[in-house]
Amino acid sequence: GPPCPADGLVLQVPAWPLLEGDTVTLRCRSWRNMSVRGVQFYHGDEEVRMSIPGTELSLSPLLLNHSGSYRCQ
C-alpha cells in the first residue's frame, strides 16, 4: 500500500469538486482505525483555529483563501 504518514494520521477530504460557498468537512483519521482525539489542523504551516473540538474541521462557507494544503497531527 501507499506509505503511511509518520504519525499514522490521514486527512479525508471530499472527492468532488469544491465551489465557493460550499460547506466542507475535513476529517482526520488514523490509518489503523485507532481512536483519534484532540487533533490539530494546519493550513500550510498555520494552525487552524478549530470551531469544533475533535477530529473534524468544518469550512463553511468555503472561501477562496481556504485553498491550499491541509494536514492534521
N, C-alpha and C. Protein backbone atom coordinates (compact mmCIF):
# COMPACT_ATOMS: atom_id res chain seq x y z
N GLY A 1 0.82 -1.20 0.00
CA GLY A 1 0.00 0.00 0.00
C GLY A 1 0.86 1.25 0.00
N PRO A 2 0.24 2.41 -0.03
CA PRO A 2 1.00 3.67 0.00
C PRO A 2 1.69 3.84 1.33
N PRO A 3 2.80 4.56 1.35
CA PRO A 3 3.50 4.79 2.62
C PRO A 3 2.60 5.55 3.59
N CYS A 4 2.66 5.19 4.84
CA CYS A 4 1.82 5.83 5.84
C CYS A 4 2.54 7.03 6.43
N PRO A 5 1.80 8.08 6.77
CA PRO A 5 2.43 9.22 7.44
C PRO A 5 3.08 8.76 8.74
N ALA A 6 4.10 9.47 9.15
CA ALA A 6 4.85 9.08 10.35
C ALA A 6 3.95 8.99 11.58
N ASP A 7 2.99 9.91 11.68
CA ASP A 7 2.13 9.90 12.87
C ASP A 7 0.89 9.04 12.68
N GLY A 8 0.77 8.39 11.52
CA GLY A 8 -0.33 7.47 11.31
C GLY A 8 -1.68 8.12 11.08
N LEU A 9 -1.69 9.42 10.76
CA LEU A 9 -2.95 10.11 10.56
C LEU A 9 -3.13 10.45 9.09
N VAL A 10 -4.35 10.32 8.60
CA VAL A 10 -4.67 10.71 7.24
C VAL A 10 -5.81 11.71 7.27
N LEU A 11 -5.78 12.65 6.35
CA LEU A 11 -6.82 13.66 6.26
C LEU A 11 -7.76 13.28 5.13
N GLN A 12 -9.03 13.09 5.47
CA GLN A 12 -10.03 12.75 4.46
C GLN A 12 -10.70 14.03 3.99
N VAL A 13 -10.68 14.21 2.66
CA VAL A 13 -11.32 15.38 2.08
C VAL A 13 -12.33 14.90 1.04
N PRO A 14 -13.33 15.73 0.75
CA PRO A 14 -14.33 15.32 -0.24
C PRO A 14 -13.69 15.05 -1.59
N ALA A 15 -14.23 14.08 -2.33
CA ALA A 15 -13.67 13.70 -3.62
C ALA A 15 -14.26 14.52 -4.75
N TRP A 16 -15.33 15.26 -4.48
CA TRP A 16 -15.97 16.02 -5.55
C TRP A 16 -15.38 17.43 -5.63
N PRO A 17 -15.57 18.10 -6.76
CA PRO A 17 -15.06 19.48 -6.90
C PRO A 17 -15.73 20.40 -5.87
N LEU A 18 -14.95 21.29 -5.32
CA LEU A 18 -15.44 22.20 -4.29
C LEU A 18 -15.64 23.58 -4.87
N LEU A 19 -16.74 24.20 -4.51
CA LEU A 19 -17.06 25.53 -5.02
C LEU A 19 -17.15 26.52 -3.87
N GLU A 20 -16.87 27.79 -4.17
CA GLU A 20 -17.02 28.82 -3.16
C GLU A 20 -18.44 28.79 -2.61
N GLY A 21 -18.57 28.92 -1.30
CA GLY A 21 -19.88 28.91 -0.66
C GLY A 21 -20.30 27.54 -0.16
N ASP A 22 -19.59 26.49 -0.60
CA ASP A 22 -19.90 25.14 -0.12
C ASP A 22 -19.57 25.01 1.36
N THR A 23 -20.14 24.00 1.99
CA THR A 23 -19.72 23.58 3.32
C THR A 23 -18.85 22.35 3.15
N VAL A 24 -17.65 22.41 3.69
CA VAL A 24 -16.69 21.32 3.54
C VAL A 24 -16.26 20.85 4.91
N THR A 25 -16.26 19.55 5.11
CA THR A 25 -15.78 18.98 6.37
C THR A 25 -14.56 18.12 6.10
N LEU A 26 -13.45 18.45 6.75
CA LEU A 26 -12.24 17.65 6.67
C LEU A 26 -12.21 16.75 7.90
N ARG A 27 -11.89 15.48 7.69
CA ARG A 27 -11.85 14.53 8.80
C ARG A 27 -10.45 13.97 8.96
N CYS A 28 -10.00 13.91 10.19
CA CYS A 28 -8.69 13.35 10.48
C CYS A 28 -8.89 11.93 11.03
N ARG A 29 -8.30 10.97 10.36
CA ARG A 29 -8.48 9.57 10.75
C ARG A 29 -7.14 8.90 10.95
N SER A 30 -7.15 7.88 11.78
CA SER A 30 -5.97 7.04 11.93
C SER A 30 -6.01 5.96 10.87
N TRP A 31 -4.88 5.71 10.23
CA TRP A 31 -4.87 4.70 9.16
C TRP A 31 -5.03 3.30 9.73
N ARG A 32 -4.84 3.14 11.03
CA ARG A 32 -5.07 1.83 11.65
C ARG A 32 -6.43 1.74 12.31
N ASN A 33 -7.26 2.76 12.09
CA ASN A 33 -8.58 2.82 12.73
C ASN A 33 -8.50 2.85 14.25
N MET A 34 -7.36 3.30 14.75
CA MET A 34 -7.29 3.53 16.19
C MET A 34 -8.05 4.82 16.47
N SER A 35 -8.53 4.96 17.71
CA SER A 35 -9.29 6.16 18.03
C SER A 35 -8.35 7.36 18.05
N VAL A 36 -8.83 8.47 17.53
CA VAL A 36 -8.05 9.70 17.46
C VAL A 36 -8.82 10.77 18.21
N ARG A 37 -8.12 11.47 19.11
CA ARG A 37 -8.76 12.56 19.84
C ARG A 37 -7.84 13.77 19.84
N GLY A 38 -8.44 14.93 19.87
CA GLY A 38 -7.69 16.15 20.05
C GLY A 38 -6.61 16.40 19.00
N VAL A 39 -7.01 16.38 17.74
CA VAL A 39 -6.04 16.67 16.70
C VAL A 39 -5.96 18.18 16.47
N GLN A 40 -4.86 18.60 15.86
CA GLN A 40 -4.71 19.98 15.45
C GLN A 40 -4.61 20.02 13.93
N PHE A 41 -5.40 20.88 13.33
CA PHE A 41 -5.37 21.03 11.88
C PHE A 41 -4.43 22.16 11.49
N TYR A 42 -3.76 21.99 10.37
CA TYR A 42 -2.88 23.02 9.83
C TYR A 42 -3.27 23.31 8.39
N HIS A 43 -3.24 24.59 8.03
CA HIS A 43 -3.44 25.04 6.65
C HIS A 43 -2.09 25.59 6.23
N GLY A 44 -1.36 24.80 5.43
CA GLY A 44 0.04 25.13 5.20
C GLY A 44 0.77 24.95 6.52
N ASP A 45 1.45 25.99 6.99
CA ASP A 45 2.14 25.91 8.29
C ASP A 45 1.37 26.63 9.39
N GLU A 46 0.19 27.13 9.07
CA GLU A 46 -0.59 27.88 10.05
C GLU A 46 -1.55 26.96 10.79
N GLU A 47 -1.57 27.10 12.13
CA GLU A 47 -2.56 26.35 12.90
C GLU A 47 -3.94 26.89 12.55
N VAL A 48 -4.88 25.98 12.35
CA VAL A 48 -6.25 26.39 12.08
C VAL A 48 -6.98 26.49 13.42
N ARG A 49 -7.60 27.62 13.64
CA ARG A 49 -8.43 27.77 14.85
C ARG A 49 -9.64 26.87 14.68
N MET A 50 -9.77 25.92 15.56
CA MET A 50 -10.83 24.92 15.39
C MET A 50 -12.15 25.47 15.90
N SER A 51 -13.19 25.29 15.09
CA SER A 51 -14.51 25.74 15.51
C SER A 51 -15.21 24.66 16.33
N ILE A 52 -14.83 23.39 16.08
CA ILE A 52 -15.42 22.31 16.86
C ILE A 52 -14.31 21.41 17.37
N PRO A 53 -14.38 20.98 18.63
CA PRO A 53 -13.35 20.08 19.14
C PRO A 53 -13.48 18.70 18.50
N GLY A 54 -12.40 17.98 18.45
CA GLY A 54 -12.47 16.64 17.90
C GLY A 54 -11.64 16.47 16.65
N THR A 55 -12.12 15.62 15.77
CA THR A 55 -11.31 15.22 14.64
C THR A 55 -11.86 15.72 13.31
N GLU A 56 -12.76 16.71 13.35
CA GLU A 56 -13.31 17.26 12.12
C GLU A 56 -13.09 18.76 12.08
N LEU A 57 -12.88 19.26 10.88
CA LEU A 57 -12.75 20.70 10.66
C LEU A 57 -13.76 21.09 9.61
N SER A 58 -14.64 22.02 9.96
CA SER A 58 -15.69 22.44 9.03
C SER A 58 -15.33 23.81 8.46
N LEU A 59 -15.33 23.90 7.14
CA LEU A 59 -15.10 25.17 6.46
C LEU A 59 -16.43 25.58 5.83
N SER A 60 -17.06 26.60 6.39
CA SER A 60 -18.38 26.99 5.90
C SER A 60 -18.61 28.48 6.17
N PRO A 61 -18.87 29.27 5.15
CA PRO A 61 -18.84 28.87 3.74
C PRO A 61 -17.40 28.78 3.24
N LEU A 62 -17.20 27.97 2.24
CA LEU A 62 -15.87 27.83 1.67
C LEU A 62 -15.48 29.11 0.94
N LEU A 63 -14.28 29.61 1.24
CA LEU A 63 -13.79 30.83 0.63
C LEU A 63 -12.56 30.54 -0.20
N LEU A 64 -12.25 31.46 -1.11
CA LEU A 64 -11.10 31.28 -1.98
C LEU A 64 -9.81 31.12 -1.17
N ASN A 65 -9.71 31.85 -0.05
CA ASN A 65 -8.46 31.78 0.72
C ASN A 65 -8.35 30.51 1.56
N HIS A 66 -9.34 29.63 1.47
CA HIS A 66 -9.24 28.33 2.12
C HIS A 66 -8.43 27.36 1.29
N SER A 67 -8.15 27.71 0.02
CA SER A 67 -7.44 26.75 -0.84
C SER A 67 -6.00 26.57 -0.36
N GLY A 68 -5.44 25.44 -0.70
CA GLY A 68 -4.08 25.12 -0.27
C GLY A 68 -4.04 23.75 0.36
N SER A 69 -2.95 23.46 1.01
CA SER A 69 -2.78 22.12 1.58
C SER A 69 -3.13 22.13 3.06
N TYR A 70 -3.79 21.06 3.49
CA TYR A 70 -4.17 20.89 4.88
C TYR A 70 -3.54 19.61 5.41
N ARG A 71 -3.29 19.59 6.71
CA ARG A 71 -2.82 18.37 7.34
C ARG A 71 -3.32 18.39 8.78
N CYS A 72 -3.22 17.23 9.43
CA CYS A 72 -3.62 17.16 10.83
C CYS A 72 -2.55 16.37 11.58
N GLN A 73 -2.43 16.64 12.85
CA GLN A 73 -1.50 15.88 13.67
C GLN A 73 -1.97 15.85 15.11
